[in-house]
C-alpha atoms as a PDB file:
ATOM      1  CA  MET A   1       0.000   0.000   0.000  1.00  0.00           C
ATOM      2  CA  GLY A   2       2.847   2.359   0.881  1.00  0.00           C
ATOM      3  CA  SER A   3       4.691   1.735  -2.408  1.00  0.00           C
ATOM      4  CA  MET A   4       1.534   2.358  -4.393  1.00  0.00           C
ATOM      5  CA  ALA A   5       1.014   5.684  -2.647  1.00  0.00           C
ATOM      6  CA  SER A   6       4.640   6.694  -3.251  1.00  0.00           C
ATOM      7  CA  GLU A   7       4.359   5.763  -6.956  1.00  0.00           C
ATOM      8  CA  TRP A   8       1.161   7.780  -7.199  1.00  0.00           C
ATOM      9  CA  LEU A   9       2.861  10.795  -5.589  1.00  0.00           C
ATOM     10  CA  SER A  10       5.987  10.450  -7.753  1.00  0.00           C
ATOM     11  CA  ALA A  11       3.821  10.496 -10.884  1.00  0.00           C
ATOM     12  CA  PHE A  12       2.831  14.073 -10.017  1.00  0.00           C
ATOM     13  CA  GLY A  13       6.349  15.118  -9.005  1.00  0.00           C
ATOM     14  CA  THR A  14       9.318  16.039 -11.143  1.00  0.00           C
ATOM     15  CA  GLY A  15      11.327  12.876 -10.473  1.00  0.00           C
ATOM     16  CA  GLY A  16       9.087  10.399 -12.302  1.00  0.00           C
ATOM     17  CA  LEU A  17       8.927   6.675 -11.732  1.00  0.00           C
ATOM     18  CA  PRO A  18      12.061   4.545 -11.398  1.00  0.00           C
ATOM     19  CA  GLY A  19      13.165   3.145 -14.775  1.00  0.00           C
ATOM     20  CA  GLU A  20      10.846   5.479 -16.670  1.00  0.00           C
ATOM     21  CA  PRO A  21      12.368   6.953 -19.894  1.00  0.00           C
ATOM     22  CA  GLY A  22      13.028  10.683 -20.014  1.00  0.00           C
ATOM     23  CA  LEU A  23      10.661  13.126 -21.713  1.00  0.00           C
ATOM     24  CA  MET A  24      12.929  13.696 -24.717  1.00  0.00           C
ATOM     25  CA  GLU A  25      13.280   9.949 -25.219  1.00  0.00           C
ATOM     26  CA  GLU A  26       9.506   9.457 -24.971  1.00  0.00           C
ATOM     27  CA  LEU A  27       8.904  12.212 -27.520  1.00  0.00           C
ATOM     28  CA  ASP A  28      11.608  10.662 -29.750  1.00  0.00           C
ATOM     29  CA  ILE A  29      13.650  13.882 -29.796  1.00  0.00           C
ATOM     30  CA  ASN A  30      17.388  13.319 -30.133  1.00  0.00           C
ATOM     31  CA  LEU A  31      19.057  16.691 -29.541  1.00  0.00           C
ATOM     32  CA  PRO A  32      22.588  15.610 -30.599  1.00  0.00           C
ATOM     33  CA  HIS A  33      21.084  14.313 -33.864  1.00  0.00           C
ATOM     34  CA  VAL A  34      19.220  17.609 -34.397  1.00  0.00           C
ATOM     35  CA  LEU A  35      22.529  19.431 -33.865  1.00  0.00           C
ATOM     36  CA  ASP A  36      24.364  17.136 -36.332  1.00  0.00           C
ATOM     37  CA  LYS A  37      21.741  17.705 -39.017  1.00  0.00           C
ATOM     38  CA  SER A  38      21.739  21.456 -38.411  1.00  0.00           C
ATOM     39  CA  LEU A  39      25.526  21.665 -38.729  1.00  0.00           C
ATOM     40  CA  ALA A  40      25.408  19.614 -41.938  1.00  0.00           C
ATOM     41  CA  VAL A  41      22.831  22.025 -43.392  1.00  0.00           C
ATOM     42  CA  LEU A  42      24.871  25.068 -42.376  1.00  0.00           C
ATOM     43  CA  ASN A  43      27.758  23.738 -44.485  1.00  0.00           C
ATOM     44  CA  PRO A  44      26.464  23.998 -48.081  1.00  0.00           C
ATOM     45  CA  PHE A  45      29.595  22.247 -49.381  1.00  0.00           C
ATOM     46  CA  HIS A  46      28.952  19.127 -47.282  1.00  0.00           C
ATOM     47  CA  LYS A  47      28.856  16.107 -49.594  1.00  0.00           C
ATOM     48  CA  PHE A  48      26.181  13.695 -48.373  1.00  0.00           C
ATOM     49  CA  SER A  49      27.333  10.162 -49.064  1.00  0.00           C
ATOM     50  CA  PRO A  50      25.312   7.088 -48.092  1.00  0.00           C
ATOM     51  CA  GLU A  51      28.613   5.236 -47.459  1.00  0.00           C
ATOM     52  CA  HIS A  52      29.430   7.541 -44.547  1.00  0.00           C
ATOM     53  CA  PRO A  53      27.649   6.052 -41.483  1.00  0.00           C
ATOM     54  CA  LYS A  54      26.634   9.389 -39.967  1.00  0.00           C
ATOM     55  CA  ASP A  55      25.241  10.675 -43.275  1.00  0.00           C
ATOM     56  CA  ALA A  56      23.359   7.445 -43.933  1.00  0.00           C
ATOM     57  CA  HIS A  57      21.693   7.675 -40.517  1.00  0.00           C
ATOM     58  CA  MET A  58      21.019  11.370 -41.054  1.00  0.00           C
ATOM     59  CA  MET A  59      19.188  10.751 -44.308  1.00  0.00           C
ATOM     60  CA  ASP A  60      17.234   7.726 -43.095  1.00  0.00           C
ATOM     61  CA  ASP A  61      15.891   9.676 -40.149  1.00  0.00           C
ATOM     62  CA  THR A  62      12.537  11.440 -40.526  1.00  0.00           C
ATOM     63  CA  ASP A  63      12.977  13.664 -37.486  1.00  0.00           C
ATOM     64  CA  LEU A  64      10.420  16.486 -37.366  1.00  0.00           C
ATOM     65  CA  ALA A  65      11.530  18.141 -34.111  1.00  0.00           C
ATOM     66  CA  GLY A  66      14.121  20.313 -35.855  1.00  0.00           C
ATOM     67  CA  PRO A  67      11.825  21.470 -38.690  1.00  0.00           C
ATOM     68  CA  LEU A  68       9.058  22.438 -36.258  1.00  0.00           C
ATOM     69  CA  LEU A  69      11.583  24.281 -34.116  1.00  0.00           C
ATOM     70  CA  PHE A  70      13.040  26.154 -37.107  1.00  0.00           C
ATOM     71  CA  CYS A  71       9.575  27.121 -38.421  1.00  0.00           C
ATOM     72  CA  PHE A  72       8.702  28.461 -34.972  1.00  0.00           C
ATOM     73  CA  VAL A  73      12.026  30.324 -34.685  1.00  0.00           C
ATOM     74  CA  PHE A  74      11.550  31.762 -38.189  1.00  0.00           C
ATOM     75  CA  GLY A  75       8.061  33.001 -37.270  1.00  0.00           C
ATOM     76  CA  MET A  76       9.269  34.446 -33.943  1.00  0.00           C
ATOM     77  CA  LEU A  77      12.130  36.303 -35.639  1.00  0.00           C
ATOM     78  CA  LEU A  78       9.666  37.734 -38.149  1.00  0.00           C
ATOM     79  CA  LEU A  79       7.498  38.804 -35.208  1.00  0.00           C
ATOM     80  CA  LEU A  80      10.492  40.514 -33.570  1.00  0.00           C
ATOM     81  CA  SER A  81      11.046  42.470 -36.784  1.00  0.00           C
ATOM     82  CA  GLY A  82       7.416  43.646 -36.694  1.00  0.00           C
ATOM     83  CA  LYS A  83       5.876  41.072 -39.046  1.00  0.00           C
ATOM     84  CA  SER A  84       3.237  38.702 -37.677  1.00  0.00           C
ATOM     85  CA  GLN A  85       3.413  36.035 -40.395  1.00  0.00           C
ATOM     86  CA  PHE A  86       2.837  32.687 -38.624  1.00  0.00           C
ATOM     87  CA  GLY A  87      -0.074  31.818 -40.927  1.00  0.00           C
ATOM     88  CA  TYR A  88       2.036  32.471 -44.026  1.00  0.00           C
ATOM     89  CA  VAL A  89       4.962  30.459 -42.624  1.00  0.00           C
ATOM     90  CA  TYR A  90       2.907  27.349 -41.938  1.00  0.00           C
ATOM     91  CA  GLY A  91       0.699  27.778 -45.024  1.00  0.00           C
ATOM     92  CA  VAL A  92       3.583  28.214 -47.460  1.00  0.00           C
ATOM     93  CA  GLY A  93       5.452  25.414 -45.676  1.00  0.00           C
ATOM     94  CA  LEU A  94       2.569  22.941 -45.980  1.00  0.00           C
ATOM     95  CA  LEU A  95       1.815  23.793 -49.616  1.00  0.00           C
ATOM     96  CA  GLY A  96       5.511  23.646 -50.512  1.00  0.00           C
ATOM     97  CA  VAL A  97       6.088  20.290 -48.818  1.00  0.00           C
ATOM     98  CA  ILE A  98       3.091  18.745 -50.602  1.00  0.00           C
ATOM     99  CA  SER A  99       4.175  20.162 -53.981  1.00  0.00           C
ATOM    100  CA  ILE A 100       7.809  19.071 -53.673  1.00  0.00           C
ATOM    101  CA  TYR A 101       6.737  15.654 -52.357  1.00  0.00           C
ATOM    102  CA  PHE A 102       4.658  14.999 -55.491  1.00  0.00           C
ATOM    103  CA  LEU A 103       7.319  16.477 -57.770  1.00  0.00           C
ATOM    104  CA  LEU A 104      10.143  14.353 -56.310  1.00  0.00           C
ATOM    105  CA  ASN A 105       8.028  11.206 -56.529  1.00  0.00           C
ATOM    106  CA  LEU A 106       7.328  11.930 -60.201  1.00  0.00           C
ATOM    107  CA  MET A 107      11.020  12.557 -60.937  1.00  0.00           C
ATOM    108  CA  SER A 108      12.577   9.629 -59.050  1.00  0.00           C
ATOM    109  CA  LYS A 109      12.350   5.865 -59.474  1.00  0.00           C
ATOM    110  CA  GLY A 110      12.324   4.836 -55.809  1.00  0.00           C
ATOM    111  CA  GLY A 111      10.228   7.654 -54.395  1.00  0.00           C
ATOM    112  CA  ILE A 112      10.370   9.404 -51.040  1.00  0.00           C
ATOM    113  CA  ASP A 113       7.925   9.678 -48.168  1.00  0.00           C
ATOM    114  CA  ALA A 114       6.313  12.951 -47.076  1.00  0.00           C
ATOM    115  CA  SER A 115       7.860  12.966 -43.603  1.00  0.00           C
ATOM    116  CA  ARG A 116      11.373  12.825 -45.055  1.00  0.00           C
ATOM    117  CA  VAL A 117      10.590  15.678 -47.463  1.00  0.00           C
ATOM    118  CA  THR A 118       9.253  17.692 -44.508  1.00  0.00           C
ATOM    119  CA  SER A 119      12.367  16.909 -42.475  1.00  0.00           C
ATOM    120  CA  VAL A 120      14.808  17.943 -45.205  1.00  0.00           C
ATOM    121  CA  LEU A 121      12.945  21.126 -46.175  1.00  0.00           C
ATOM    122  CA  GLY A 122      12.486  22.102 -42.525  1.00  0.00           C
ATOM    123  CA  TYR A 123      16.130  21.635 -41.594  1.00  0.00           C
ATOM    124  CA  CYS A 124      17.272  23.569 -44.648  1.00  0.00           C
ATOM    125  CA  LEU A 125      15.130  26.514 -43.495  1.00  0.00           C
ATOM    126  CA  LEU A 126      17.855  27.248 -40.916  1.00  0.00           C
ATOM    127  CA  PRO A 127      19.838  29.723 -43.109  1.00  0.00           C
ATOM    128  CA  LEU A 128      16.646  31.731 -43.630  1.00  0.00           C
ATOM    129  CA  CYS A 129      16.270  31.886 -39.844  1.00  0.00           C
ATOM    130  CA  LEU A 130      19.649  33.640 -39.878  1.00  0.00           C
ATOM    131  CA  LEU A 131      18.321  36.025 -42.548  1.00  0.00           C
ATOM    132  CA  SER A 132      15.312  36.792 -40.338  1.00  0.00           C
ATOM    133  CA  ALA A 133      17.655  37.398 -37.401  1.00  0.00           C
ATOM    134  CA  ILE A 134      19.565  39.930 -39.519  1.00  0.00           C
ATOM    135  CA  ASN A 135      16.231  41.553 -40.404  1.00  0.00           C
ATOM    136  CA  VAL A 136      15.551  42.202 -36.708  1.00  0.00           C
ATOM    137  CA  PHE A 137      18.536  44.573 -36.584  1.00  0.00           C
ATOM    138  CA  ILE A 138      18.845  45.760 -40.203  1.00  0.00           C
ATOM    139  CA  LYS A 139      15.809  46.372 -42.396  1.00  0.00           C
ATOM    140  CA  LEU A 140      16.251  44.290 -45.540  1.00  0.00           C
ATOM    141  CA  ASP A 141      13.593  46.115 -47.577  1.00  0.00           C
ATOM    142  CA  GLY A 142      16.223  47.829 -49.714  1.00  0.00           C
ATOM    143  CA  LEU A 143      19.437  47.286 -51.630  1.00  0.00           C
ATOM    144  CA  VAL A 144      21.088  45.274 -48.831  1.00  0.00           C
ATOM    145  CA  GLY A 145      18.169  42.840 -48.674  1.00  0.00           C
ATOM    146  CA  PHE A 146      18.017  42.483 -52.446  1.00  0.00           C
ATOM    147  CA  ILE A 147      21.704  41.490 -52.503  1.00  0.00           C
ATOM    148  CA  VAL A 148      21.825  39.337 -49.356  1.00  0.00           C
ATOM    149  CA  SER A 149      18.549  37.389 -49.618  1.00  0.00           C
ATOM    150  CA  PRO A 150      19.396  35.592 -52.923  1.00  0.00           C
ATOM    151  CA  LEU A 151      22.594  34.329 -51.267  1.00  0.00           C
ATOM    152  CA  PHE A 152      20.580  32.856 -48.393  1.00  0.00           C
ATOM    153  CA  ILE A 153      18.105  31.304 -50.842  1.00  0.00           C
ATOM    154  CA  LEU A 154      21.035  29.757 -52.714  1.00  0.00           C
ATOM    155  CA  TRP A 155      22.444  28.462 -49.410  1.00  0.00           C
ATOM    156  CA  CYS A 156      19.142  26.744 -48.486  1.00  0.00           C
ATOM    157  CA  CYS A 157      18.660  25.447 -52.015  1.00  0.00           C
ATOM    158  CA  THR A 158      22.188  23.992 -52.223  1.00  0.00           C
ATOM    159  CA  SER A 159      21.802  22.119 -48.934  1.00  0.00           C
ATOM    160  CA  ALA A 160      18.300  20.790 -49.648  1.00  0.00           C
ATOM    161  CA  SER A 161      18.978  19.744 -53.249  1.00  0.00           C
ATOM    162  CA  GLY A 162      22.208  18.015 -52.169  1.00  0.00           C
ATOM    163  CA  ILE A 163      20.322  15.957 -49.582  1.00  0.00           C
ATOM    164  CA  PHE A 164      17.455  15.100 -51.957  1.00  0.00           C
ATOM    165  CA  VAL A 165      19.845  14.122 -54.744  1.00  0.00           C
ATOM    166  CA  SER A 166      21.797  11.816 -52.444  1.00  0.00           C
ATOM    167  CA  ILE A 167      18.649  10.232 -50.941  1.00  0.00           C
ATOM    168  CA  LEU A 168      17.044   9.584 -54.328  1.00  0.00           C
ATOM    169  CA  ASN A 169      20.266   8.852 -56.246  1.00  0.00           C
ATOM    170  CA  MET A 170      19.539  11.594 -58.799  1.00  0.00           C
ATOM    171  CA  GLN A 171      23.022  13.101 -59.224  1.00  0.00           C
ATOM    172  CA  ASN A 172      22.401  14.070 -62.858  1.00  0.00           C
ATOM    173  CA  GLN A 173      19.171  15.901 -62.010  1.00  0.00           C
ATOM    174  CA  ARG A 174      20.362  18.253 -59.278  1.00  0.00           C
ATOM    175  CA  VAL A 175      19.431  21.416 -61.187  1.00  0.00           C
ATOM    176  CA  LEU A 176      15.922  20.050 -61.798  1.00  0.00           C
ATOM    177  CA  VAL A 177      15.569  19.374 -58.069  1.00  0.00           C
ATOM    178  CA  ALA A 178      17.137  22.702 -57.075  1.00  0.00           C
ATOM    179  CA  TYR A 179      14.744  24.839 -59.138  1.00  0.00           C
ATOM    180  CA  PRO A 180      11.450  24.098 -57.280  1.00  0.00           C
ATOM    181  CA  VAL A 181      13.288  23.937 -53.946  1.00  0.00           C
ATOM    182  CA  GLY A 182      14.750  27.379 -54.662  1.00  0.00           C
ATOM    183  CA  LEU A 183      11.266  28.750 -55.414  1.00  0.00           C
ATOM    184  CA  PHE A 184      10.058  27.274 -52.110  1.00  0.00           C
ATOM    185  CA  TYR A 185      12.762  29.060 -50.114  1.00  0.00           C
ATOM    186  CA  ALA A 186      12.308  32.255 -52.147  1.00  0.00           C
ATOM    187  CA  CYS A 187       8.759  32.492 -50.745  1.00  0.00           C
ATOM    188  CA  PHE A 188      10.162  32.396 -47.206  1.00  0.00           C
ATOM    189  CA  ALA A 189      12.832  34.960 -48.091  1.00  0.00           C
ATOM    190  CA  LEU A 190      10.107  37.278 -49.416  1.00  0.00           C
ATOM    191  CA  LEU A 191       8.406  37.040 -46.014  1.00  0.00           C
ATOM    192  CA  SER A 192      11.676  38.152 -44.418  1.00  0.00           C
ATOM    193  CA  VAL A 193      12.412  41.010 -46.787  1.00  0.00           C
ATOM    194  CA  PHE A 194       8.948  42.482 -47.384  1.00  0.00           C
ATOM    195  CA  ASP A 195       6.063  43.162 -45.016  1.00  0.00           C
ATOM    196  CA  VAL A 196       3.421  41.033 -46.721  1.00  0.00           C
ATOM    197  CA  GLY A 197       0.344  41.922 -44.684  1.00  0.00           C
ATOM    198  CA  ALA A 198       1.095  45.602 -44.110  1.00  0.00           C
ATOM    199  CA  SER A 199      -1.465  48.173 -45.157  1.00  0.00           C
ATOM    200  CA  LYS A 200      -0.091  51.414 -46.586  1.00  0.00           C
END
């Protein structure tokens, strides 16, 4: 009776039950893996090779914790720069993921699942989070933004197309993959540079 009462009390405390997995493990969030994927995306010259064990695991994983975090961070940074665009961020993200999912499945022989497309596109949004962070301090609605934002779009596009090409074994079609992916990230860059919902 005493052990049952102590287990009941520990369920409402911060310690949890003995032998119970941690919250991050229960939610299937692997923070070191999120960090590895983020660092790989931040290096646009990283060559993803399925022979490398870390890269193979990185590409097989359909982790959505990082993409959700980066979408939220992107929206919060837009909010800090005076642009409340959460609806646009999630709307453009959902439409873009669906479009690129169908496009990649039409172009490739093996195909790819929607969760992996979401994971890759979400992780590769990280450079645009940096662009939004710059926009908090420097207004990009001018010459500086028009020069800098295409570089960030190219950065996102290079990382995402490199991952997709290596997953789907489409090395000769990288430009065809990069074009729609670049348009996808250009929509997010436009949210950073311009105030979409502002009334004059």
